[in-house]
N, C-alpha and C. Protein backbone atom coordinates (compact mmCIF):
# COMPACT_ATOMS: atom_id res chain seq x y z
N MET A 1 11.45 7.88 -1.52
CA MET A 1 10.20 8.56 -1.33
C MET A 1 9.07 7.53 -1.42
N ASP A 2 8.21 7.52 -0.42
CA ASP A 2 7.05 6.64 -0.43
C ASP A 2 5.90 7.41 -1.05
N ARG A 3 5.12 6.73 -1.88
CA ARG A 3 4.00 7.44 -2.48
C ARG A 3 2.92 6.47 -2.91
N ILE A 4 1.73 7.00 -3.03
CA ILE A 4 0.61 6.24 -3.54
C ILE A 4 0.34 6.73 -4.95
N LEU A 5 0.32 5.82 -5.89
CA LEU A 5 0.07 6.17 -7.28
C LEU A 5 -1.29 5.62 -7.69
N GLU A 6 -2.04 6.42 -8.39
CA GLU A 6 -3.32 5.97 -8.93
C GLU A 6 -3.10 5.62 -10.39
N ALA A 7 -3.17 4.36 -10.74
CA ALA A 7 -2.93 3.93 -12.11
C ALA A 7 -4.20 3.99 -12.94
N GLN A 8 -5.22 3.33 -12.49
CA GLN A 8 -6.51 3.33 -13.16
C GLN A 8 -7.57 3.47 -12.09
N GLU A 9 -8.79 3.60 -12.54
CA GLU A 9 -9.87 3.83 -11.59
C GLU A 9 -10.00 2.70 -10.57
N ASP A 10 -9.78 1.45 -11.00
CA ASP A 10 -9.96 0.35 -10.06
C ASP A 10 -8.64 -0.27 -9.59
N ASP A 11 -7.51 0.32 -9.94
CA ASP A 11 -6.20 -0.17 -9.51
C ASP A 11 -5.55 0.88 -8.61
N PHE A 12 -4.68 0.42 -7.73
CA PHE A 12 -3.84 1.35 -6.99
C PHE A 12 -2.47 0.73 -6.80
N GLU A 13 -1.51 1.57 -6.50
CA GLU A 13 -0.14 1.10 -6.34
C GLU A 13 0.53 1.91 -5.25
N LEU A 14 1.20 1.22 -4.35
CA LEU A 14 2.03 1.86 -3.32
C LEU A 14 3.48 1.54 -3.65
N ARG A 15 4.35 2.52 -3.54
CA ARG A 15 5.77 2.30 -3.78
C ARG A 15 6.55 2.78 -2.56
N PHE A 16 7.44 1.91 -2.07
CA PHE A 16 8.28 2.24 -0.94
C PHE A 16 9.73 2.04 -1.34
N LYS A 17 10.57 3.04 -1.08
CA LYS A 17 12.01 2.95 -1.38
C LYS A 17 12.65 1.99 -0.38
N LEU A 18 13.46 1.08 -0.91
CA LEU A 18 14.16 0.09 -0.08
C LEU A 18 15.65 0.37 -0.06
N SER A 19 16.34 -0.20 0.91
CA SER A 19 17.79 -0.08 0.97
C SER A 19 18.42 -0.93 -0.13
N ASP A 20 19.69 -0.68 -0.41
CA ASP A 20 20.40 -1.42 -1.46
C ASP A 20 20.44 -2.92 -1.18
N SER A 21 20.49 -3.31 0.09
CA SER A 21 20.54 -4.74 0.43
C SER A 21 19.31 -5.48 -0.08
N TYR A 22 18.15 -4.86 0.03
CA TYR A 22 16.93 -5.50 -0.48
C TYR A 22 16.99 -5.64 -1.99
N CYS A 23 17.59 -4.67 -2.65
CA CYS A 23 17.66 -4.70 -4.11
C CYS A 23 18.56 -5.84 -4.58
N VAL A 24 19.62 -6.11 -3.84
CA VAL A 24 20.57 -7.15 -4.23
C VAL A 24 20.06 -8.54 -3.83
N TYR A 25 19.55 -8.65 -2.60
CA TYR A 25 19.21 -9.96 -2.06
C TYR A 25 17.72 -10.29 -2.10
N GLY A 26 16.87 -9.31 -2.33
CA GLY A 26 15.43 -9.55 -2.27
C GLY A 26 14.98 -9.58 -0.82
N ALA A 27 13.75 -9.95 -0.58
CA ALA A 27 13.22 -10.03 0.79
C ALA A 27 12.84 -11.47 1.08
N ASP A 28 13.14 -11.91 2.30
CA ASP A 28 12.77 -13.27 2.70
C ASP A 28 11.30 -13.36 3.07
N ASP A 29 10.77 -12.27 3.57
CA ASP A 29 9.39 -12.30 4.04
C ASP A 29 8.79 -10.91 3.90
N ILE A 30 7.64 -10.82 3.25
CA ILE A 30 6.92 -9.55 3.15
C ILE A 30 5.51 -9.80 3.66
N LYS A 31 5.08 -8.99 4.61
CA LYS A 31 3.72 -9.10 5.15
C LYS A 31 3.01 -7.77 4.92
N VAL A 32 1.80 -7.86 4.43
CA VAL A 32 0.98 -6.67 4.22
C VAL A 32 -0.34 -6.90 4.94
N GLU A 33 -0.68 -5.97 5.82
CA GLU A 33 -1.94 -6.06 6.55
C GLU A 33 -2.73 -4.78 6.33
N ILE A 34 -4.03 -4.93 6.18
CA ILE A 34 -4.90 -3.78 6.02
C ILE A 34 -5.96 -3.85 7.11
N GLU A 35 -6.05 -2.76 7.87
CA GLU A 35 -7.02 -2.74 8.96
C GLU A 35 -7.45 -1.31 9.22
N ASP A 36 -8.74 -1.10 9.32
CA ASP A 36 -9.31 0.20 9.64
C ASP A 36 -8.78 1.33 8.76
N GLY A 37 -8.63 1.05 7.46
CA GLY A 37 -8.20 2.09 6.53
C GLY A 37 -6.70 2.35 6.50
N TRP A 38 -5.92 1.53 7.19
CA TRP A 38 -4.46 1.65 7.20
C TRP A 38 -3.84 0.44 6.52
N ILE A 39 -2.74 0.66 5.82
CA ILE A 39 -1.98 -0.45 5.25
C ILE A 39 -0.64 -0.49 5.97
N GLU A 40 -0.28 -1.67 6.44
CA GLU A 40 0.95 -1.86 7.21
C GLU A 40 1.82 -2.86 6.45
N VAL A 41 3.05 -2.47 6.17
CA VAL A 41 3.96 -3.30 5.38
C VAL A 41 5.18 -3.64 6.24
N LYS A 42 5.48 -4.94 6.34
CA LYS A 42 6.67 -5.39 7.06
C LYS A 42 7.46 -6.31 6.13
N ALA A 43 8.75 -6.09 6.05
CA ALA A 43 9.61 -6.95 5.23
C ALA A 43 10.84 -7.30 6.05
N GLU A 44 11.38 -8.48 5.81
CA GLU A 44 12.58 -8.92 6.51
C GLU A 44 13.53 -9.57 5.52
N LEU A 45 14.78 -9.28 5.71
CA LEU A 45 15.83 -9.83 4.86
C LEU A 45 16.94 -10.34 5.76
N ILE A 46 17.42 -11.53 5.49
CA ILE A 46 18.55 -12.09 6.23
C ILE A 46 19.67 -12.36 5.24
N GLU A 47 20.78 -11.64 5.40
CA GLU A 47 21.96 -11.86 4.56
C GLU A 47 22.87 -12.84 5.29
N GLN A 48 23.20 -13.93 4.65
CA GLN A 48 24.10 -14.91 5.26
C GLN A 48 25.44 -14.85 4.55
N HIS A 49 26.45 -14.43 5.30
CA HIS A 49 27.81 -14.37 4.80
C HIS A 49 28.63 -15.43 5.53
N PRO A 50 29.79 -15.81 5.02
CA PRO A 50 30.59 -16.85 5.68
C PRO A 50 30.89 -16.55 7.15
N ASP A 51 31.11 -15.29 7.48
CA ASP A 51 31.52 -14.96 8.84
C ASP A 51 30.46 -14.21 9.66
N GLU A 52 29.31 -13.89 9.06
CA GLU A 52 28.29 -13.16 9.82
C GLU A 52 26.91 -13.28 9.16
N ILE A 53 25.90 -13.00 9.96
CA ILE A 53 24.52 -12.94 9.48
C ILE A 53 24.02 -11.53 9.76
N ILE A 54 23.48 -10.89 8.74
CA ILE A 54 22.97 -9.52 8.88
C ILE A 54 21.47 -9.55 8.64
N ARG A 55 20.73 -9.00 9.60
CA ARG A 55 19.27 -8.93 9.47
C ARG A 55 18.85 -7.49 9.18
N HIS A 56 17.96 -7.36 8.22
CA HIS A 56 17.38 -6.06 7.88
C HIS A 56 15.87 -6.16 8.08
N SER A 57 15.27 -5.11 8.58
CA SER A 57 13.82 -5.10 8.66
C SER A 57 13.30 -3.77 8.11
N PHE A 58 12.10 -3.82 7.58
CA PHE A 58 11.49 -2.68 6.93
C PHE A 58 10.06 -2.60 7.44
N TYR A 59 9.63 -1.40 7.83
CA TYR A 59 8.28 -1.23 8.33
C TYR A 59 7.73 0.11 7.86
N ARG A 60 6.53 0.08 7.32
CA ARG A 60 5.85 1.32 6.94
C ARG A 60 4.36 1.15 7.25
N LYS A 61 3.75 2.22 7.68
CA LYS A 61 2.31 2.24 7.90
C LYS A 61 1.77 3.51 7.27
N ARG A 62 0.78 3.36 6.39
CA ARG A 62 0.23 4.50 5.66
C ARG A 62 -1.29 4.44 5.69
N LYS A 63 -1.90 5.60 5.73
CA LYS A 63 -3.35 5.72 5.65
C LYS A 63 -3.75 5.61 4.19
N LEU A 64 -4.70 4.75 3.90
CA LEU A 64 -5.21 4.61 2.54
C LEU A 64 -6.23 5.71 2.26
N PRO A 65 -6.34 6.14 1.01
CA PRO A 65 -7.40 7.10 0.68
C PRO A 65 -8.76 6.52 1.07
N ALA A 66 -9.66 7.38 1.48
CA ALA A 66 -10.95 6.94 2.01
C ALA A 66 -11.73 6.08 1.03
N GLU A 67 -11.55 6.32 -0.28
CA GLU A 67 -12.36 5.59 -1.26
C GLU A 67 -11.83 4.20 -1.56
N VAL A 68 -10.68 3.83 -1.01
CA VAL A 68 -10.08 2.54 -1.35
C VAL A 68 -10.58 1.44 -0.41
N ILE A 69 -11.20 0.45 -1.01
CA ILE A 69 -11.53 -0.79 -0.31
C ILE A 69 -10.77 -1.87 -1.07
N VAL A 70 -9.76 -2.45 -0.45
CA VAL A 70 -8.85 -3.34 -1.17
C VAL A 70 -9.49 -4.71 -1.40
N GLU A 71 -9.44 -5.17 -2.64
CA GLU A 71 -9.96 -6.49 -2.98
C GLU A 71 -8.84 -7.51 -3.11
N SER A 72 -7.69 -7.12 -3.67
CA SER A 72 -6.58 -8.06 -3.85
C SER A 72 -5.27 -7.28 -3.86
N LEU A 73 -4.18 -7.97 -3.49
CA LEU A 73 -2.86 -7.35 -3.42
C LEU A 73 -1.81 -8.25 -4.04
N SER A 74 -0.74 -7.63 -4.56
CA SER A 74 0.46 -8.38 -4.95
C SER A 74 1.67 -7.53 -4.61
N CYS A 75 2.80 -8.17 -4.33
CA CYS A 75 4.03 -7.48 -3.96
C CYS A 75 5.14 -7.84 -4.92
N ASP A 76 6.03 -6.87 -5.17
CA ASP A 76 7.18 -7.10 -6.04
C ASP A 76 8.28 -6.14 -5.62
N ILE A 77 9.52 -6.51 -5.88
CA ILE A 77 10.66 -5.61 -5.65
C ILE A 77 11.28 -5.33 -7.00
N ASP A 78 11.36 -4.03 -7.35
CA ASP A 78 11.87 -3.65 -8.67
C ASP A 78 12.59 -2.32 -8.56
N GLN A 79 13.81 -2.27 -9.03
CA GLN A 79 14.62 -1.05 -9.09
C GLN A 79 14.62 -0.29 -7.77
N GLY A 80 14.85 -1.02 -6.69
CA GLY A 80 14.97 -0.38 -5.38
C GLY A 80 13.66 0.00 -4.73
N MET A 81 12.55 -0.45 -5.29
CA MET A 81 11.24 -0.10 -4.74
C MET A 81 10.47 -1.37 -4.41
N LEU A 82 9.80 -1.36 -3.27
CA LEU A 82 8.82 -2.39 -2.95
C LEU A 82 7.50 -1.89 -3.52
N ILE A 83 6.93 -2.64 -4.44
CA ILE A 83 5.71 -2.22 -5.12
C ILE A 83 4.56 -3.11 -4.66
N ILE A 84 3.56 -2.49 -4.09
CA ILE A 84 2.36 -3.22 -3.68
C ILE A 84 1.24 -2.72 -4.58
N SER A 85 0.70 -3.62 -5.36
CA SER A 85 -0.38 -3.21 -6.26
C SER A 85 -1.62 -4.02 -5.95
N GLY A 86 -2.75 -3.46 -6.26
CA GLY A 86 -3.99 -4.15 -5.97
C GLY A 86 -5.17 -3.55 -6.69
N LYS A 87 -6.27 -4.17 -6.47
CA LYS A 87 -7.54 -3.70 -7.01
C LYS A 87 -8.30 -3.01 -5.89
N LYS A 88 -8.93 -1.91 -6.23
CA LYS A 88 -9.74 -1.24 -5.23
C LYS A 88 -11.18 -1.23 -5.71
N GLN A 89 -12.05 -1.15 -4.77
CA GLN A 89 -13.47 -1.11 -5.06
C GLN A 89 -13.94 0.29 -4.68
N LEU A 90 -14.47 1.00 -5.63
CA LEU A 90 -14.97 2.34 -5.33
C LEU A 90 -16.36 2.23 -4.73
N PRO A 91 -16.61 3.00 -3.68
CA PRO A 91 -17.96 2.96 -3.10
C PRO A 91 -18.97 3.51 -4.11
N GLU A 92 -20.17 3.02 -4.01
CA GLU A 92 -21.21 3.49 -4.93
C GLU A 92 -21.50 4.96 -4.66
N LYS A 93 -21.79 5.68 -5.72
CA LYS A 93 -22.16 7.08 -5.55
C LYS A 93 -23.58 7.12 -5.01
N ARG A 94 -23.78 7.97 -4.05
CA ARG A 94 -25.10 8.10 -3.46
C ARG A 94 -25.64 9.47 -3.78
N VAL A 95 -26.87 9.52 -4.21
CA VAL A 95 -27.54 10.78 -4.50
C VAL A 95 -28.62 10.96 -3.45
N LEU A 96 -28.55 12.06 -2.76
CA LEU A 96 -29.55 12.35 -1.74
C LEU A 96 -30.56 13.33 -2.30
N LYS A 97 -31.82 13.05 -2.08
CA LYS A 97 -32.88 13.96 -2.50
C LYS A 97 -33.13 14.92 -1.35
N VAL A 98 -33.12 16.18 -1.66
CA VAL A 98 -33.30 17.20 -0.63
C VAL A 98 -34.56 18.01 -0.96
N ASN A 99 -35.44 18.12 -0.02
CA ASN A 99 -36.62 18.97 -0.17
C ASN A 99 -36.29 20.33 0.41
N VAL A 100 -36.54 21.36 -0.36
CA VAL A 100 -36.27 22.72 0.10
C VAL A 100 -37.58 23.35 0.53
N LEU A 101 -37.62 23.76 1.76
CA LEU A 101 -38.81 24.43 2.28
C LEU A 101 -38.61 25.93 2.14
N ARG A 102 -39.59 26.58 1.56
CA ARG A 102 -39.51 28.03 1.38
C ARG A 102 -40.49 28.70 2.34
N SER A 103 -40.05 29.76 2.88
CA SER A 103 -40.96 30.52 3.73
C SER A 103 -41.43 31.76 2.97
N GLY A 104 -42.57 32.23 3.32
CA GLY A 104 -43.09 33.43 2.66
C GLY A 104 -44.02 33.10 1.52
N PRO A 105 -44.44 34.14 0.77
CA PRO A 105 -45.43 33.94 -0.30
C PRO A 105 -44.90 33.20 -1.48
């Protein structure tokens, strides 16, 4: 199950379930790109056995919550999950002043 977890106000964490091969061998290459409010994760694993080479690839694309502006990221593989954690910057709260016009006496 893929999910976005909110740890603290300025931290966020994405968790993606990986296949057993990634858990045993790790990943050779993990790329994370963020563009236009989307996070795109690509991972590649190459298993080299005496008689064969097996390639695994992993791809996920998820919409980030609107309030998340990513400042930094880190990746880790733990207990079958690819964990991407980072710092988010919350947009400043804006207060709009509204003038109410009343009609009548």
